[in-house]
Protein backbone atom coordinates (compact mmCIF):
# COMPACT_ATOMS: atom_id res chain seq x y z
CA MET A 1 -7.60 84.20 -10.47
CA SER A 2 -10.83 85.17 -12.26
CA SER A 3 -13.45 82.60 -13.24
CA ILE A 4 -12.48 83.05 -16.92
CA MET A 5 -8.80 82.33 -16.21
CA ARG A 6 -9.78 79.34 -14.08
CA GLY A 7 -11.82 78.06 -17.01
CA ASP A 8 -8.84 78.54 -19.35
CA PHE A 9 -6.63 76.68 -16.89
CA ARG A 10 -9.06 73.74 -16.72
CA MET A 11 -9.26 73.63 -20.52
CA ALA A 12 -5.45 73.64 -20.69
CA LEU A 13 -5.26 70.68 -18.31
CA SER A 14 -7.93 68.89 -20.31
CA GLY A 15 -5.94 69.46 -23.51
CA VAL A 16 -2.75 68.05 -21.95
CA ARG A 17 -4.58 65.01 -20.55
CA GLY A 18 -6.25 64.39 -23.91
CA ALA A 19 -2.91 63.47 -25.49
CA LYS A 20 -0.85 62.05 -22.62
CA TRP A 21 1.98 60.42 -24.57
CA ARG A 22 2.34 63.31 -26.97
CA SER A 23 2.41 65.71 -24.06
CA PHE A 24 5.05 63.65 -22.26
CA LEU A 25 7.30 63.47 -25.33
CA THR A 26 6.88 67.22 -25.74
CA MET A 27 7.98 67.78 -22.14
CA LEU A 28 11.01 65.48 -22.47
CA GLY A 29 13.44 68.25 -23.46
CA ILE A 30 12.30 70.37 -20.51
CA ILE A 31 12.63 67.39 -18.13
CA VAL A 32 16.17 66.53 -19.28
CA GLY A 33 17.29 70.15 -18.97
CA ILE A 34 15.87 70.55 -15.46
CA VAL A 35 17.35 67.24 -14.23
CA ALA A 36 20.78 68.21 -15.60
CA VAL A 37 20.79 71.66 -14.00
CA VAL A 38 19.40 70.76 -10.57
CA THR A 39 21.51 67.59 -10.21
CA MET A 40 24.77 69.22 -11.32
CA VAL A 41 24.28 72.29 -9.13
CA SER A 42 23.50 70.03 -6.15
CA ILE A 43 26.61 67.91 -6.78
CA GLY A 44 28.67 71.09 -7.04
CA GLU A 45 27.26 72.43 -3.78
CA GLY A 46 27.99 69.11 -2.08
CA ILE A 47 31.61 69.07 -3.28
CA LYS A 48 32.11 72.67 -2.15
CA HIS A 49 30.73 71.79 1.29
CA GLN A 50 33.07 68.78 1.50
CA ILE A 51 36.11 70.82 0.47
CA ALA A 52 35.25 73.71 2.77
CA GLY A 53 34.70 71.30 5.66
CA THR A 54 38.33 70.24 5.51
CA LEU A 55 39.45 73.78 6.36
CA ASN A 56 38.11 73.38 9.90
CA HIS A 57 39.24 69.77 10.25
CA PHE A 58 42.87 70.18 9.17
CA GLY A 59 43.43 73.66 10.55
CA LYS A 60 44.01 77.08 9.05
CA ASP A 61 47.80 76.72 9.23
CA LEU A 62 47.89 73.92 6.64
CA ILE A 63 49.97 74.45 3.48
CA ILE A 64 49.60 72.20 0.44
CA ILE A 65 52.48 71.77 -2.01
CA ARG A 66 51.70 69.79 -5.16
CA PRO A 67 53.21 69.32 -8.62
CA GLY A 68 52.02 71.43 -11.54
CA HIS A 69 51.55 75.18 -11.59
CA SER A 70 47.91 76.12 -11.07
CA GLY A 71 48.47 79.73 -12.14
CA GLY A 72 45.72 80.96 -9.83
CA ALA A 73 42.16 80.34 -10.91
CA PRO A 74 41.82 77.49 -13.39
CA LYS A 75 41.41 78.50 -17.03
CA GLY A 76 40.10 75.13 -18.14
CA LEU A 77 39.60 71.58 -17.08
CA GLY A 78 43.29 70.85 -17.53
CA GLY A 79 44.40 73.79 -15.39
CA SER A 80 43.48 72.29 -12.06
CA SER A 81 41.63 69.45 -10.45
CA PRO A 82 38.99 69.32 -7.72
CA ASP A 83 41.12 66.53 -6.27
CA VAL A 84 43.83 68.77 -4.86
CA LEU A 85 45.38 65.85 -3.00
CA PHE A 86 46.40 63.70 -5.96
CA GLY A 87 46.65 66.40 -8.63
CA LEU A 88 45.22 64.18 -11.36
CA GLY A 89 46.18 66.60 -14.13
CA SER A 90 49.85 66.70 -13.14
CA ALA A 91 52.45 65.04 -15.35
CA SER A 92 55.22 65.30 -12.72
CA ALA A 93 55.70 64.53 -9.04
CA LEU A 94 57.56 66.02 -6.10
CA THR A 95 60.83 64.43 -5.00
CA GLU A 96 62.69 63.63 -1.77
CA GLN A 97 64.80 66.73 -2.41
CA ASP A 98 61.59 68.78 -2.44
CA VAL A 99 60.60 67.26 0.89
CA ASP A 100 64.00 68.20 2.35
CA THR A 101 63.76 71.71 0.90
CA VAL A 102 60.33 72.31 2.44
CA SER A 103 61.33 70.82 5.81
CA LYS A 104 64.28 73.25 6.05
CA THR A 105 62.19 76.30 5.19
CA SER A 106 61.73 78.85 7.95
CA GLY A 107 58.19 78.78 9.32
CA VAL A 108 57.47 75.10 8.58
CA SER A 109 57.03 73.31 11.89
CA THR A 110 56.04 69.85 10.63
CA LEU A 111 55.25 68.12 7.35
CA THR A 112 54.44 64.86 5.65
CA PRO A 113 54.77 63.88 2.01
CA LEU A 114 52.10 61.64 0.55
CA GLY A 115 52.89 59.52 -2.47
CA LEU A 116 51.24 56.61 -4.20
CA VAL A 117 53.52 53.57 -4.36
CA ALA A 118 52.80 51.14 -7.20
CA GLY A 119 52.31 47.51 -6.22
CA GLN A 120 49.79 45.03 -4.87
CA PRO A 121 49.91 44.23 -1.13
CA LYS A 122 49.12 40.61 -0.21
CA ALA A 123 48.12 39.03 3.09
CA ASP A 124 47.79 35.23 3.19
CA ASP A 125 47.65 35.32 -0.63
CA ARG A 126 44.68 37.70 -0.44
CA THR A 127 44.59 40.98 -2.34
CA SER A 128 42.08 43.80 -2.52
CA PRO A 129 41.40 45.77 -5.73
CA HIS A 130 40.52 48.88 -3.71
CA THR A 131 43.64 48.97 -1.53
CA PHE A 132 46.45 51.40 -2.34
CA VAL A 133 49.74 52.16 -0.60
CA LEU A 134 50.76 55.67 0.47
CA ALA A 135 54.24 56.77 1.52
CA ALA A 136 54.13 59.18 4.46
CA SER A 137 56.18 60.44 7.40
CA SER A 138 55.76 59.84 11.12
CA ASN A 139 53.86 63.15 11.33
CA ALA A 140 51.08 62.02 8.97
CA ALA A 141 48.49 61.17 11.63
CA GLN A 142 49.11 64.47 13.42
CA ILE A 143 48.83 66.55 10.23
CA LEU A 144 45.79 64.64 9.01
CA ASN A 145 44.28 65.15 12.46
CA GLN A 146 43.23 61.49 12.44
CA ARG A 147 42.91 59.27 15.49
CA ILE A 148 44.32 55.76 15.64
CA ALA A 149 41.59 53.32 16.69
CA PHE A 150 43.93 50.45 17.54
CA GLY A 151 47.67 50.40 18.08
CA GLU A 152 49.72 53.48 17.25
CA PHE A 153 51.37 55.37 14.42
CA TRP A 154 55.08 54.86 13.94
CA ASP A 155 57.49 57.42 15.41
CA SER A 156 60.61 59.03 13.95
CA ASP A 157 62.74 56.06 15.08
CA HIS A 158 60.81 53.77 12.73
CA GLU A 159 61.09 55.87 9.54
CA ASP A 160 63.36 53.21 8.04
CA LYS A 161 61.44 50.17 9.36
CA ASN A 162 58.93 47.97 7.52
CA VAL A 163 55.89 49.05 9.50
CA ALA A 164 52.43 50.12 8.37
CA VAL A 165 49.25 51.77 9.58
CA ILE A 166 46.08 50.83 7.69
CA GLY A 167 42.57 52.10 7.06
CA GLN A 168 39.57 50.22 8.38
CA ASN A 169 38.48 48.91 4.98
CA VAL A 170 41.93 47.37 4.53
CA ALA A 171 41.59 45.54 7.84
CA GLN A 172 38.34 43.95 6.72
CA GLU A 173 39.17 43.26 3.06
CA LEU A 174 42.84 42.24 3.30
CA PHE A 175 43.02 40.62 6.75
CA LYS A 176 39.37 39.66 7.31
CA GLU A 177 39.48 40.97 10.89
CA GLU A 178 38.87 44.23 12.71
CA ILE A 179 42.15 44.51 14.63
CA PRO A 180 45.00 42.90 12.66
CA LEU A 181 47.75 44.36 14.85
CA GLY A 182 50.99 42.45 14.48
CA ARG A 183 49.78 40.78 11.28
CA SER A 184 52.07 40.91 8.28
CA PHE A 185 51.63 41.46 4.56
CA THR A 186 54.03 41.47 1.64
CA PHE A 187 54.54 44.41 -0.67
CA ARG A 188 57.10 44.63 -3.48
CA GLY A 189 58.92 41.59 -2.08
CA GLN A 190 59.18 42.98 1.48
CA GLU A 191 57.30 41.97 4.61
CA PHE A 192 55.52 44.71 6.59
CA ILE A 193 54.04 44.55 10.09
CA VAL A 194 50.74 46.28 10.88
CA ARG A 195 51.39 48.71 13.71
CA GLY A 196 48.05 50.50 13.85
CA VAL A 197 44.54 50.89 12.43
CA PHE A 198 42.99 54.30 11.79
CA ASP A 199 39.56 55.42 12.88
CA PRO A 200 37.24 55.78 9.85
CA PHE A 201 38.23 58.84 7.82
CA VAL A 202 35.59 61.54 7.55
CA ASN A 203 37.75 64.08 5.76
CA VAL A 204 40.49 63.52 3.19
CA PRO A 205 42.66 66.59 2.49
CA PHE A 206 40.72 68.60 -0.07
CA SER A 207 39.87 65.48 -2.04
CA PRO A 208 36.27 64.58 -2.91
CA THR A 209 37.38 61.38 -4.65
CA ALA A 210 39.90 59.55 -2.42
CA SER A 211 39.13 57.36 0.60
CA PHE A 212 41.95 56.78 3.07
CA ASP A 213 39.95 53.95 4.61
CA ASP A 214 41.35 51.91 1.69
CA ALA A 215 44.94 53.10 2.25
CA ILE A 216 48.02 51.46 3.72
CA PHE A 217 50.51 54.01 5.07
CA ILE A 218 54.20 53.08 5.07
CA PRO A 219 57.29 55.20 5.92
CA TYR A 220 58.35 57.31 2.94
CA LYS A 221 62.03 56.44 3.46
CA VAL A 222 61.18 52.74 3.14
CA ALA A 223 59.10 53.52 0.03
CA SER A 224 62.10 55.33 -1.41
CA GLU A 225 64.27 52.26 -0.92
CA LEU A 226 61.63 49.98 -2.43
CA THR A 227 61.47 52.13 -5.56
CA GLN A 228 65.25 52.69 -5.72
CA HIS A 229 64.80 56.35 -4.81
CA ALA A 230 62.29 56.88 -7.63
CA ALA A 231 59.27 57.45 -5.37
CA GLY A 232 57.23 60.47 -6.40
CA TYR A 233 55.09 62.47 -4.00
CA TYR A 234 51.82 63.91 -5.18
CA VAL A 235 51.49 66.29 -2.29
CA ILE A 236 53.42 67.62 0.66
CA LEU A 237 51.27 68.73 3.59
CA ALA A 238 53.00 71.18 5.91
CA LYS A 239 51.94 73.12 8.98
CA THR A 240 53.27 76.36 10.40
CA GLY A 241 51.79 76.09 13.88
CA ASN A 242 50.47 79.63 13.54
CA PRO A 243 47.79 80.69 10.99
CA ALA A 244 49.18 84.23 11.01
CA THR A 245 52.45 83.09 9.40
CA VAL A 246 50.90 81.01 6.60
CA GLN A 247 51.24 83.57 3.81
CA THR A 248 54.82 84.43 4.76
CA THR A 249 55.73 80.75 4.87
CA ILE A 250 54.05 80.13 1.50
CA GLN A 251 56.25 82.82 -0.03
CA SER A 252 59.38 81.31 1.54
CA VAL A 253 58.52 77.78 0.41
CA THR A 254 57.75 79.02 -3.10
CA GLN A 255 61.05 80.86 -3.38
CA ARG A 256 63.16 77.96 -2.06
CA LEU A 257 61.45 75.37 -4.28
CA GLN A 258 61.75 77.61 -7.33
CA ASN A 259 65.48 78.00 -6.67
CA ALA A 260 65.81 74.22 -6.23
CA HIS A 261 63.97 73.67 -9.53
CA GLY A 262 66.35 75.87 -11.50
CA GLY A 263 63.97 78.81 -11.56
CA GLU A 264 61.03 76.76 -12.91
CA ARG A 265 57.61 77.23 -11.32
CA ASP A 266 56.39 73.66 -11.96
CA PHE A 267 54.67 73.32 -8.59
CA SER A 268 51.91 74.99 -6.58
CA VAL A 269 52.02 76.15 -2.97
CA LEU A 270 48.55 76.76 -1.60
CA GLY A 271 47.04 77.68 1.71
CA ALA A 272 43.92 75.87 2.86
CA LYS A 273 41.67 78.72 1.70
CA ASP A 274 43.38 78.76 -1.71
CA SER A 275 42.65 75.05 -2.09
CA VAL A 276 38.99 75.57 -1.24
CA ARG A 277 38.79 78.39 -3.78
CA THR A 278 40.56 76.33 -6.48
CA GLY A 279 38.22 73.39 -5.99
CA GLY A 280 35.22 75.74 -6.03
CA GLU A 281 36.36 77.32 -9.31
CA VAL A 282 36.57 73.93 -11.03
CA VAL A 283 33.12 72.97 -9.74
CA ARG A 284 31.71 76.26 -11.04
CA LEU A 285 33.35 75.67 -14.42
CA LEU A 286 31.79 72.21 -14.68
CA THR A 287 28.42 73.60 -13.58
CA THR A 288 28.61 76.29 -16.27
CA TRP A 289 29.24 73.74 -19.03
CA ILE A 290 26.43 71.49 -17.81
CA SER A 291 24.13 74.53 -17.59
CA ILE A 292 24.90 75.38 -21.23
CA VAL A 293 23.95 71.84 -22.27
CA ALA A 294 20.82 72.06 -20.12
CA ALA A 295 19.90 75.42 -21.68
CA LEU A 296 20.11 73.82 -25.13
CA SER A 297 17.82 71.04 -23.89
CA LEU A 298 15.34 73.64 -22.66
CA VAL A 299 15.43 75.46 -26.00
CA ILE A 300 14.86 72.16 -27.83
CA GLY A 301 12.02 71.44 -25.42
CA GLY A 302 10.58 74.89 -26.11
CA VAL A 303 10.72 74.30 -29.87
CA GLY A 304 8.95 70.99 -29.29
CA ILE A 305 6.22 72.76 -27.32
CA MET A 306 5.80 75.33 -30.11
CA ASN A 307 5.50 72.64 -32.79
CA ILE A 308 2.98 70.62 -30.78
CA MET A 309 0.94 73.72 -30.00
CA LEU A 310 0.91 74.68 -33.71
CA LEU A 311 -0.34 71.15 -34.44
CA ASN A 312 -2.98 71.52 -31.72
CA VAL A 313 -4.17 74.79 -33.23
CA THR A 314 -4.52 73.13 -36.65
CA GLU A 315 -6.34 70.07 -35.23
CA ARG A 316 -8.69 72.17 -33.09
CA MET A 317 -9.56 74.80 -35.69
CA HIS A 318 -13.23 73.84 -35.59
CA GLU A 319 -13.23 74.20 -31.77
CA ILE A 320 -11.72 77.68 -32.11
CA GLY A 321 -14.43 78.62 -34.64
CA VAL A 322 -17.21 77.40 -32.30
CA ARG A 323 -15.77 79.31 -29.33
CA LYS A 324 -15.55 82.53 -31.33
CA ALA A 325 -19.01 82.02 -32.83
CA ILE A 326 -20.61 81.82 -29.40
CA GLY A 327 -18.87 84.98 -28.17
CA ALA A 328 -15.31 84.13 -27.09
CA SER A 329 -12.95 87.03 -27.76
CA SER A 330 -9.56 86.74 -29.47
CA ARG A 331 -7.92 87.45 -26.10
CA GLN A 332 -9.75 84.54 -24.47
CA VAL A 333 -8.62 82.17 -27.23
CA LEU A 334 -5.10 83.56 -26.87
CA TRP A 335 -5.10 82.89 -23.12
CA GLN A 336 -6.51 79.39 -23.61
CA PHE A 337 -3.61 78.23 -25.78
CA LEU A 338 -1.02 80.24 -23.86
CA PHE A 339 -2.17 78.55 -20.65
CA GLU A 340 -1.93 75.16 -22.35
CA ALA A 341 1.70 75.79 -23.40
CA ALA A 342 2.57 77.10 -19.92
CA VAL A 343 0.95 74.11 -18.20
CA LEU A 344 2.79 71.72 -20.53
CA SER A 345 6.14 73.36 -19.79
CA LEU A 346 5.51 73.77 -16.05
CA MET A 347 4.52 70.13 -15.70
CA GLY A 348 7.78 69.20 -17.44
CA GLY A 349 9.64 71.41 -14.94
CA VAL A 350 7.93 69.83 -11.94
CA ILE A 351 8.57 66.29 -13.22
CA GLY A 352 12.22 67.28 -13.86
CA VAL A 353 12.60 68.59 -10.30
CA LEU A 354 11.06 65.42 -8.81
CA LEU A 355 13.36 63.22 -10.93
CA SER A 356 16.32 65.37 -9.82
CA LEU A 357 15.48 64.76 -6.17
CA GLY A 358 15.33 61.04 -6.92
CA VAL A 359 18.73 61.12 -8.67
CA ILE A 360 20.24 63.06 -5.75
CA GLY A 361 18.87 60.48 -3.31
CA LEU A 362 20.38 57.63 -5.34
CA LEU A 363 23.75 59.41 -5.44
CA HIS A 364 23.64 59.68 -1.64
CA ILE A 365 22.90 55.96 -1.29
CA TYR A 366 25.10 54.40 -3.96
CA THR A 367 28.09 56.76 -4.34
CA ASP A 368 30.56 58.67 -2.18
CA LEU A 369 29.10 61.96 -3.41
CA HIS A 370 26.95 63.97 -1.03
CA PRO A 371 24.95 66.43 -3.14
CA VAL A 372 23.36 69.35 -1.33
CA ILE A 373 20.00 70.39 -2.77
CA SER A 374 20.08 74.00 -3.93
CA TRP A 375 16.53 75.26 -3.51
CA ASN A 376 17.49 78.42 -5.38
CA ALA A 377 18.38 76.24 -8.37
CA VAL A 378 15.09 74.34 -7.99
CA GLY A 379 13.09 77.59 -7.93
CA ILE A 380 14.97 79.11 -10.85
CA ALA A 381 14.69 75.91 -12.91
CA THR A 382 10.94 75.74 -12.33
CA GLY A 383 10.54 79.41 -13.20
CA VAL A 384 12.63 79.03 -16.36
CA SER A 385 10.51 76.09 -17.50
CA LEU A 386 7.39 78.25 -17.13
CA VAL A 387 9.00 81.10 -19.08
CA VAL A 388 10.05 78.69 -21.85
CA GLY A 389 6.44 77.53 -22.19
CA ILE A 390 5.11 81.08 -22.37
CA VAL A 391 7.76 82.29 -24.85
CA PHE A 392 7.48 79.34 -27.22
CA GLY A 393 3.70 79.09 -26.80
CA THR A 394 3.07 82.71 -27.79
CA ALA A 395 3.30 82.18 -31.58
CA PRO A 396 0.76 79.27 -31.68
CA ALA A 397 -1.55 81.16 -29.29
CA LEU A 398 -1.44 84.28 -31.49
CA LYS A 399 -2.15 82.14 -34.55
CA ALA A 400 -5.22 80.66 -32.85
CA SER A 401 -6.54 84.02 -31.59
CA ARG A 402 -6.32 85.66 -35.02
CA LYS A 403 -8.36 83.03 -36.83
CA ASP A 404 -11.53 84.22 -38.51
CA PRO A 405 -14.46 82.28 -36.95
CA ILE A 406 -16.14 81.58 -40.31
CA GLU A 407 -12.94 80.17 -41.82
CA ALA A 408 -12.33 78.20 -38.66
CA LEU A 409 -15.82 76.64 -38.76
CA ARG A 410 -15.28 75.58 -42.36
CA HIS A 411 -12.12 73.69 -41.35
CA GLU A 412 -12.54 69.93 -41.15
């Protein structure tokens, strides 16, 4: 950097410091845009890492059957959900007949339905607002690849018994002890005995929102009786035992379910990789929309920079006249004000990035989200903020450089 450019840079910094609050308000649009982009991209990267991590944990032979037809890649927010487990956008649920159909399909070696059962479990008149009840089969622990910390999961002989296996949060919140084996609780007028307690869950099947540490698992046949055979299952998890047969089995399951549904394709049958891709598509869609909003914020910030710089040119007309009178060229005046606009915008970008890192840290501490910082997004966001300053600062800089020094000196 030449001595002249260094001098222009120092003058630009001096101009920004001379009106601190006005400069900060000018940068606000840039800051908001940068925070939105960097934070959203980082959240999206974190969710994609979480979803992709389940592929290794649950195995490549996992098949997910859920209500609602995804139709491939999502076409909108209503087309799919990043929470593949619960299918939040689905208006229907899978039935016991669907479970039987899938279990009898060639290639399926084991399966478990998972269904939310409405009701409030109570232990010693205690309830927990976070606890929910899931109907599952005796194969649930095996398919979820989840260890039992204390006790054991029920076997096929207990599918019609009032037994339960609970998450660790349930043990603490509902029973106020770490190992409540043999303890009982009531649910929908029935008494259940705790048979086991899970290890803490690290992965929930393709779900960035659910925590099975707050879940009580009961046999799905018992849940069916409790609901008078009206229990609905929001997912069926099946395994083939051989990753090479997954696609063939998916086709077989799809055909059999479609026949059982009278030819309607009101369900989705996905392999583990399909689920990762579906979740990733939704995250990308959300990121795109947030990026559009952020781009508008950057444009608004750029307009703000242009207006402030035009005001600066008007207020500093006498200064421009003096500089030109003592030998400063039009190019030097142009660079002075262009540098000032660029510094203003770049400082907004840097502040936005720092605030984004703070927001990401708070999300790590206070939420279940685990954003992953995208340094590419940080670099691009910073570069874009600089470009915005240069683009929107060009008009005021040209106006300043073209001023006649005599007219400028006459300006009060």
